[in-house]
C-alpha atoms as a PDB file:
ATOM      1  CA  MET A   1     -64.977 -25.082 -22.124  1.00  0.00           C
ATOM      2  CA  ARG A   2     -62.772 -24.440 -19.027  1.00  0.00           C
ATOM      3  CA  LEU A   3     -59.097 -25.245 -19.175  1.00  0.00           C
ATOM      4  CA  ASP A   4     -57.431 -26.363 -15.979  1.00  0.00           C
ATOM      5  CA  VAL A   5     -54.144 -24.576 -15.278  1.00  0.00           C
ATOM      6  CA  THR A   6     -51.738 -26.040 -12.786  1.00  0.00           C
ATOM      7  CA  PRO A   7     -49.824 -23.761 -10.402  1.00  0.00           C
ATOM      8  CA  GLN A   8     -46.616 -24.670 -12.186  1.00  0.00           C
ATOM      9  CA  THR A   9     -48.021 -23.650 -15.577  1.00  0.00           C
ATOM     10  CA  PHE A  10     -49.376 -20.373 -14.195  1.00  0.00           C
ATOM     11  CA  LEU A  11     -46.002 -19.499 -12.639  1.00  0.00           C
ATOM     12  CA  TYR A  12     -44.226 -20.262 -15.891  1.00  0.00           C
ATOM     13  CA  ARG A  13     -46.565 -17.950 -17.840  1.00  0.00           C
ATOM     14  CA  VAL A  14     -46.086 -15.139 -15.333  1.00  0.00           C
ATOM     15  CA  MET A  15     -42.326 -15.427 -15.499  1.00  0.00           C
ATOM     16  CA  GLN A  16     -42.432 -15.369 -19.304  1.00  0.00           C
ATOM     17  CA  THR A  17     -44.507 -12.178 -19.453  1.00  0.00           C
ATOM     18  CA  LYS A  18     -43.207 -10.162 -16.455  1.00  0.00           C
ATOM     19  CA  PRO A  19     -40.058  -8.154 -17.241  1.00  0.00           C
ATOM     20  CA  ALA A  20     -37.155  -9.072 -15.010  1.00  0.00           C
ATOM     21  CA  GLN A  21     -36.097  -6.377 -12.565  1.00  0.00           C
ATOM     22  CA  ARG A  22     -32.386  -5.771 -12.436  1.00  0.00           C
ATOM     23  CA  SER A  23     -30.858  -4.918  -9.118  1.00  0.00           C
ATOM     24  CA  GLU A  24     -28.608  -1.887  -8.897  1.00  0.00           C
ATOM     25  CA  ARG A  25     -26.478  -3.752  -6.390  1.00  0.00           C
ATOM     26  CA  LYS A  26     -23.626  -5.882  -7.586  1.00  0.00           C
ATOM     27  CA  PRO A  27     -24.009  -9.646  -7.267  1.00  0.00           C
ATOM     28  CA  ARG A  28     -22.858 -11.453  -4.173  1.00  0.00           C
ATOM     29  CA  GLY A  29     -20.325 -14.206  -3.897  1.00  0.00           C
ATOM     30  CA  GLN A  30     -17.300 -12.285  -5.188  1.00  0.00           C
ATOM     31  CA  GLY A  31     -15.295 -12.193  -1.969  1.00  0.00           C
ATOM     32  CA  PRO A  32     -11.680 -11.672  -3.080  1.00  0.00           C
ATOM     33  CA  SER A  33     -12.578  -9.467  -6.058  1.00  0.00           C
ATOM     34  CA  ARG A  34     -15.039  -7.425  -4.020  1.00  0.00           C
ATOM     35  CA  ARG A  35     -12.397  -6.854  -1.330  1.00  0.00           C
ATOM     36  CA  GLY A  36     -10.056  -5.583  -4.017  1.00  0.00           C
ATOM     37  CA  GLU A  37     -12.760  -3.264  -5.370  1.00  0.00           C
ATOM     38  CA  ILE A  38     -13.256  -1.821  -1.888  1.00  0.00           C
ATOM     39  CA  LEU A  39      -9.536  -1.173  -1.475  1.00  0.00           C
ATOM     40  CA  ASP A  40      -9.278   0.463  -4.905  1.00  0.00           C
ATOM     41  CA  ALA A  41     -12.281   2.708  -4.229  1.00  0.00           C
ATOM     42  CA  ALA A  42     -10.942   3.620  -0.796  1.00  0.00           C
ATOM     43  CA  LYS A  43      -7.537   4.552  -2.241  1.00  0.00           C
ATOM     44  CA  ARG A  44      -9.177   6.996  -4.641  1.00  0.00           C
ATOM     45  CA  LEU A  45     -11.381   8.557  -1.966  1.00  0.00           C
ATOM     46  CA  PHE A  46      -8.623   8.764   0.655  1.00  0.00           C
ATOM     47  CA  LEU A  47      -6.500  10.671  -1.858  1.00  0.00           C
ATOM     48  CA  THR A  48      -9.208  12.912  -3.344  1.00  0.00           C
ATOM     49  CA  ASP A  49     -11.374  13.612  -0.272  1.00  0.00           C
ATOM     50  CA  GLY A  50      -8.755  13.115   2.453  1.00  0.00           C
ATOM     51  CA  TYR A  51      -8.779  10.334   5.011  1.00  0.00           C
ATOM     52  CA  GLU A  52     -11.018  12.186   7.464  1.00  0.00           C
ATOM     53  CA  HIS A  53     -13.724  12.929   4.885  1.00  0.00           C
ATOM     54  CA  ALA A  54     -13.801   9.563   3.123  1.00  0.00           C
ATOM     55  CA  THR A  55     -16.673   7.827   4.906  1.00  0.00           C
ATOM     56  CA  ILE A  56     -17.723   4.207   4.785  1.00  0.00           C
ATOM     57  CA  ARG A  57     -20.916   5.336   3.043  1.00  0.00           C
ATOM     58  CA  LYS A  58     -18.918   7.051   0.282  1.00  0.00           C
ATOM     59  CA  ILE A  59     -16.637   4.062  -0.169  1.00  0.00           C
ATOM     60  CA  ALA A  60     -19.607   1.679  -0.344  1.00  0.00           C
ATOM     61  CA  ALA A  61     -21.346   3.898  -2.899  1.00  0.00           C
ATOM     62  CA  ALA A  62     -18.216   4.000  -5.060  1.00  0.00           C
ATOM     63  CA  VAL A  63     -18.081   0.188  -5.048  1.00  0.00           C
ATOM     64  CA  GLY A  64     -21.811  -0.205  -5.637  1.00  0.00           C
ATOM     65  CA  VAL A  65     -22.682  -2.022  -2.425  1.00  0.00           C
ATOM     66  CA  SER A  66     -24.496  -1.083   0.751  1.00  0.00           C
ATOM     67  CA  SER A  67     -22.642   0.077   3.836  1.00  0.00           C
ATOM     68  CA  ALA A  68     -23.831  -3.082   5.585  1.00  0.00           C
ATOM     69  CA  ALA A  69     -22.286  -5.226   2.840  1.00  0.00           C
ATOM     70  CA  LEU A  70     -18.982  -3.376   3.107  1.00  0.00           C
ATOM     71  CA  TYR A  71     -18.863  -4.075   6.846  1.00  0.00           C
ATOM     72  CA  LEU A  72     -18.699  -7.779   5.993  1.00  0.00           C
ATOM     73  CA  TYR A  73     -15.183  -7.124   4.679  1.00  0.00           C
ATOM     74  CA  PHE A  74     -13.881  -4.319   6.905  1.00  0.00           C
ATOM     75  CA  PRO A  75     -15.115  -3.136  10.333  1.00  0.00           C
ATOM     76  CA  ASP A  76     -14.144   0.499   9.683  1.00  0.00           C
ATOM     77  CA  LYS A  77     -12.045   2.710   7.426  1.00  0.00           C
ATOM     78  CA  ASP A  78      -9.033   2.343   9.727  1.00  0.00           C
ATOM     79  CA  ALA A  79      -9.036  -1.343   8.818  1.00  0.00           C
ATOM     80  CA  ILE A  80      -9.204  -0.431   5.128  1.00  0.00           C
ATOM     81  CA  LEU A  81      -6.178   1.865   5.402  1.00  0.00           C
ATOM     82  CA  HIS A  82      -4.361  -0.828   7.366  1.00  0.00           C
ATOM     83  CA  ALA A  83      -5.102  -3.361   4.612  1.00  0.00           C
ATOM     84  CA  ILE A  84      -3.711  -0.955   2.016  1.00  0.00           C
ATOM     85  CA  ALA A  85      -0.532  -0.645   4.095  1.00  0.00           C
ATOM     86  CA  GLU A  86      -0.235  -4.419   4.445  1.00  0.00           C
ATOM     87  CA  SER A  87      -0.570  -4.928   0.700  1.00  0.00           C
ATOM     88  CA  THR A  88       1.926  -2.156  -0.009  1.00  0.00           C
ATOM     89  CA  PHE A  89       4.536  -3.548   2.374  1.00  0.00           C
ATOM     90  CA  ASP A  90       4.045  -7.066   1.019  1.00  0.00           C
ATOM     91  CA  SER A  91       4.824  -5.808  -2.477  1.00  0.00           C
ATOM     92  CA  LEU A  92       7.735  -3.687  -1.280  1.00  0.00           C
ATOM     93  CA  LEU A  93       9.216  -6.589   0.659  1.00  0.00           C
ATOM     94  CA  ALA A  94       9.043  -8.856  -2.387  1.00  0.00           C
ATOM     95  CA  GLU A  95      10.948  -6.328  -4.493  1.00  0.00           C
ATOM     96  CA  LEU A  96      13.529  -5.648  -1.782  1.00  0.00           C
ATOM     97  CA  GLU A  97      14.172  -9.364  -1.324  1.00  0.00           C
ATOM     98  CA  ALA A  98      14.548  -9.803  -5.085  1.00  0.00           C
ATOM     99  CA  SER A  99      17.173  -7.033  -5.108  1.00  0.00           C
ATOM    100  CA  GLN A 100      19.368  -8.834  -2.565  1.00  0.00           C
ATOM    101  CA  GLN A 101      21.352 -11.168  -4.821  1.00  0.00           C
ATOM    102  CA  PRO A 102      23.669 -13.453  -2.782  1.00  0.00           C
ATOM    103  CA  ASP A 103      26.483 -13.346  -5.374  1.00  0.00           C
ATOM    104  CA  VAL A 104      26.734  -9.548  -5.155  1.00  0.00           C
ATOM    105  CA  ALA A 105      29.083  -7.759  -2.757  1.00  0.00           C
ATOM    106  CA  PRO A 106      27.329  -6.611   0.474  1.00  0.00           C
ATOM    107  CA  LEU A 107      27.813  -2.906  -0.259  1.00  0.00           C
ATOM    108  CA  ASP A 108      26.347  -3.307  -3.735  1.00  0.00           C
ATOM    109  CA  ARG A 109      23.429  -5.278  -2.297  1.00  0.00           C
ATOM    110  CA  LEU A 110      22.714  -2.397   0.055  1.00  0.00           C
ATOM    111  CA  ARG A 111      22.921   0.093  -2.805  1.00  0.00           C
ATOM    112  CA  ALA A 112      20.536  -2.064  -4.875  1.00  0.00           C
ATOM    113  CA  GLY A 113      18.041  -2.181  -2.021  1.00  0.00           C
ATOM    114  CA  LEU A 114      18.116   1.605  -1.611  1.00  0.00           C
ATOM    115  CA  HIS A 115      17.466   2.153  -5.298  1.00  0.00           C
ATOM    116  CA  THR A 116      14.677  -0.428  -5.202  1.00  0.00           C
ATOM    117  CA  TYR A 117      12.933   1.377  -2.352  1.00  0.00           C
ATOM    118  CA  VAL A 118      12.800   4.706  -4.192  1.00  0.00           C
ATOM    119  CA  ALA A 119      11.815   3.054  -7.469  1.00  0.00           C
ATOM    120  CA  PHE A 120       8.967   1.256  -5.725  1.00  0.00           C
ATOM    121  CA  GLY A 121       7.613   4.472  -4.245  1.00  0.00           C
ATOM    122  CA  LEU A 122       7.693   6.255  -7.587  1.00  0.00           C
ATOM    123  CA  ALA A 123       6.071   3.302  -9.366  1.00  0.00           C
ATOM    124  CA  HIS A 124       3.262   3.060  -6.788  1.00  0.00           C
ATOM    125  CA  PRO A 125       2.544   6.688  -5.887  1.00  0.00           C
ATOM    126  CA  ASP A 126      -0.961   6.210  -4.474  1.00  0.00           C
ATOM    127  CA  GLU A 127       0.031   3.304  -2.259  1.00  0.00           C
ATOM    128  CA  TYR A 128       3.177   5.088  -1.105  1.00  0.00           C
ATOM    129  CA  ARG A 129       1.298   8.256  -0.208  1.00  0.00           C
ATOM    130  CA  LEU A 130      -1.357   6.386   1.736  1.00  0.00           C
ATOM    131  CA  THR A 131       1.104   4.137   3.568  1.00  0.00           C
ATOM    132  CA  PHE A 132       3.818   6.642   4.398  1.00  0.00           C
ATOM    133  CA  LEU A 133       2.030   9.988   4.298  1.00  0.00           C
ATOM    134  CA  ALA A 134      -1.713   9.592   4.916  1.00  0.00           C
ATOM    135  CA  LYS A 135      -1.205   7.916   8.279  1.00  0.00           C
ATOM    136  CA  MET A 136       0.361  11.142   9.517  1.00  0.00           C
ATOM    137  CA  ILE A 137      -3.102  12.712   9.494  1.00  0.00           C
ATOM    138  CA  ALA A 138      -5.010   9.584  10.540  1.00  0.00           C
ATOM    139  CA  PRO A 139      -6.497   9.385  14.043  1.00  0.00           C
ATOM    140  CA  SER A 140      -3.982   8.829  16.818  1.00  0.00           C
ATOM    141  CA  GLY A 141      -4.319   6.462  19.723  1.00  0.00           C
ATOM    142  CA  PRO A 142      -4.700   2.692  20.147  1.00  0.00           C
ATOM    143  CA  GLY A 143      -6.782   2.384  16.979  1.00  0.00           C
ATOM    144  CA  ARG A 144      -4.385   4.267  14.733  1.00  0.00           C
ATOM    145  CA  PRO A 145      -3.985   2.384  11.441  1.00  0.00           C
ATOM    146  CA  CYS A 146      -0.777   1.435   9.688  1.00  0.00           C
ATOM    147  CA  ARG A 147       1.320   0.993  12.795  1.00  0.00           C
ATOM    148  CA  ASP A 148       4.434  -0.802  11.628  1.00  0.00           C
ATOM    149  CA  GLN A 149       4.301  -3.310  14.468  1.00  0.00           C
ATOM    150  CA  ASP A 150       0.946  -4.475  13.091  1.00  0.00           C
ATOM    151  CA  VAL A 151       2.398  -5.105   9.624  1.00  0.00           C
ATOM    152  CA  PRO A 152       5.057  -7.846   9.712  1.00  0.00           C
ATOM    153  CA  ALA A 153       6.218  -7.080   6.168  1.00  0.00           C
ATOM    154  CA  ALA A 154       7.070  -3.540   7.308  1.00  0.00           C
ATOM    155  CA  ASP A 155       9.422  -4.876   9.975  1.00  0.00           C
ATOM    156  CA  ARG A 156      10.993  -7.307   7.518  1.00  0.00           C
ATOM    157  CA  SER A 157      11.470  -4.579   4.913  1.00  0.00           C
ATOM    158  CA  PHE A 158      13.242  -2.334   7.399  1.00  0.00           C
ATOM    159  CA  ALA A 159      15.257  -5.293   8.682  1.00  0.00           C
ATOM    160  CA  ILE A 160      16.850  -5.686   5.250  1.00  0.00           C
ATOM    161  CA  LEU A 161      18.215  -2.149   5.549  1.00  0.00           C
ATOM    162  CA  HIS A 162      19.188  -2.425   9.216  1.00  0.00           C
ATOM    163  CA  ASP A 163      20.852  -5.821   8.922  1.00  0.00           C
ATOM    164  CA  SER A 164      22.802  -4.785   5.826  1.00  0.00           C
ATOM    165  CA  ILE A 165      24.187  -1.735   7.598  1.00  0.00           C
ATOM    166  CA  ALA A 166      24.959  -3.724  10.757  1.00  0.00           C
ATOM    167  CA  ALA A 167      26.836  -6.361   8.732  1.00  0.00           C
ATOM    168  CA  LEU A 168      28.872  -3.707   6.919  1.00  0.00           C
ATOM    169  CA  MET A 169      29.737  -2.111  10.262  1.00  0.00           C
ATOM    170  CA  GLN A 170      30.856  -5.453  11.618  1.00  0.00           C
ATOM    171  CA  ALA A 171      32.946  -6.073   8.502  1.00  0.00           C
ATOM    172  CA  GLY A 172      34.676  -2.719   8.910  1.00  0.00           C
ATOM    173  CA  VAL A 173      33.326  -1.286   5.656  1.00  0.00           C
ATOM    174  CA  PHE A 174      31.187   1.168   7.619  1.00  0.00           C
ATOM    175  CA  ARG A 175      32.513   2.782  10.757  1.00  0.00           C
ATOM    176  CA  ALA A 176      31.217   1.272  14.003  1.00  0.00           C
ATOM    177  CA  GLY A 177      28.141   2.916  15.463  1.00  0.00           C
ATOM    178  CA  ASP A 178      24.446   2.588  16.185  1.00  0.00           C
ATOM    179  CA  ALA A 179      23.067   0.499  13.318  1.00  0.00           C
ATOM    180  CA  MET A 180      19.484   1.455  14.158  1.00  0.00           C
ATOM    181  CA  LEU A 181      20.261   5.175  14.057  1.00  0.00           C
ATOM    182  CA  ALA A 182      22.154   4.759  10.795  1.00  0.00           C
ATOM    183  CA  ALA A 183      19.323   2.753   9.219  1.00  0.00           C
ATOM    184  CA  GLU A 184      16.709   5.299  10.244  1.00  0.00           C
ATOM    185  CA  ALA A 185      18.859   8.156   8.928  1.00  0.00           C
ATOM    186  CA  VAL A 186      19.261   6.400   5.583  1.00  0.00           C
ATOM    187  CA  TRP A 187      15.541   5.650   5.427  1.00  0.00           C
ATOM    188  CA  ALA A 188      14.788   9.317   6.165  1.00  0.00           C
ATOM    189  CA  SER A 189      16.933  10.279   3.180  1.00  0.00           C
ATOM    190  CA  LEU A 190      15.206   7.768   0.912  1.00  0.00           C
ATOM    191  CA  HIS A 191      11.766   8.828   2.076  1.00  0.00           C
ATOM    192  CA  GLY A 192      12.654  12.481   1.565  1.00  0.00           C
ATOM    193  CA  VAL A 193      13.744  12.112  -2.039  1.00  0.00           C
ATOM    194  CA  THR A 194      10.780   9.848  -2.817  1.00  0.00           C
ATOM    195  CA  ALA A 195       8.279  12.290  -1.343  1.00  0.00           C
ATOM    196  CA  LEU A 196       9.879  15.223  -3.171  1.00  0.00           C
ATOM    197  CA  LEU A 197       9.744  13.449  -6.516  1.00  0.00           C
ATOM    198  CA  LEU A 198       6.127  12.490  -5.929  1.00  0.00           C
ATOM    199  CA  ASP A 199       4.672  15.781  -4.758  1.00  0.00           C
ATOM    200  CA  GLN A 200       7.263  18.554  -5.143  1.00  0.00           C
ATOM    201  CA  VAL A 201       8.745  17.621  -8.481  1.00  0.00           C
ATOM    202  CA  GLU A 202       8.170  21.120  -9.882  1.00  0.00           C
ATOM    203  CA  HIS A 203      10.851  22.371  -7.491  1.00  0.00           C
ATOM    204  CA  ILE A 204      13.454  19.842  -8.664  1.00  0.00           C
ATOM    205  CA  GLU A 205      15.797  21.002 -11.439  1.00  0.00           C
ATOM    206  CA  SER A 206      18.223  18.072 -11.352  1.00  0.00           C
ATOM    207  CA  SER A 207      17.781  14.870 -13.287  1.00  0.00           C
ATOM    208  CA  HIS A 208      15.622  12.572 -11.190  1.00  0.00           C
ATOM    209  CA  ASP A 209      17.954   9.616 -11.623  1.00  0.00           C
ATOM    210  CA  ALA A 210      20.958  11.771 -10.756  1.00  0.00           C
ATOM    211  CA  LEU A 211      19.221  13.118  -7.656  1.00  0.00           C
ATOM    212  CA  ILE A 212      18.302   9.634  -6.435  1.00  0.00           C
ATOM    213  CA  ALA A 213      21.826   8.343  -7.033  1.00  0.00           C
ATOM    214  CA  GLY A 214      23.294  11.399  -5.347  1.00  0.00           C
ATOM    215  CA  VAL A 215      21.184  10.983  -2.202  1.00  0.00           C
ATOM    216  CA  ILE A 216      22.062   7.297  -1.981  1.00  0.00           C
ATOM    217  CA  GLU A 217      25.787   7.882  -2.495  1.00  0.00           C
ATOM    218  CA  LEU A 218      25.820  10.664   0.095  1.00  0.00           C
ATOM    219  CA  ALA A 219      24.179   8.333   2.608  1.00  0.00           C
ATOM    220  CA  ILE A 220      26.662   5.548   1.892  1.00  0.00           C
ATOM    221  CA  ARG A 221      29.720   7.817   1.984  1.00  0.00           C
ATOM    222  CA  GLY A 222      28.533   9.223   5.299  1.00  0.00           C
ATOM    223  CA  LEU A 223      28.741   5.733   6.801  1.00  0.00           C
ATOM    224  CA  MET A 224      32.073   4.650   5.323  1.00  0.00           C
ATOM    225  CA  ALA A 225      34.917   3.823   7.689  1.00  0.00           C
END
């Protein structure tokens, strides 16, 4: 006796008996989380392989997606480095703004901001290196990533330092002068001590906290009227 089998029944039986094949690719539809995975993988590769040698193919493989899928999020690795810089400056700006308490004397607000900058760099070493150091070896020219003028939070972070110094000059606490030059000189000092404590710490014999405080106080005393 012949049994009639409908197409639907046949398909059901096939699906019940055929082992499901699992894709090696990660599932789609995870936009924000996937973007974060790409940035995290790129950070590791930029630091371990160097910016020049960290290819899109390597970054995609580390995330578990195809190169074509990665291009849906970033057009090239310059854009990835730029996104890392944007995120870093956004976080830095938030901490700098939180350090500027309105009920604190202007000089103490400046001092708090300087300490916050160094503390941020030491607490986020990978991001600091990629934002402030890796771009030094990145390609030059119109497509160079991490240009400060392309990252509004970078301008706003520096403005906190510049405007604080300018206000103290105007108030007579600091001697009159070029506020931009003074701000850049102070930033150079902060960047120097941060970079040393990140990558040359074996050459530092002083207490780290004492060294940071000493650099900041030297910078402030150098500006006093």
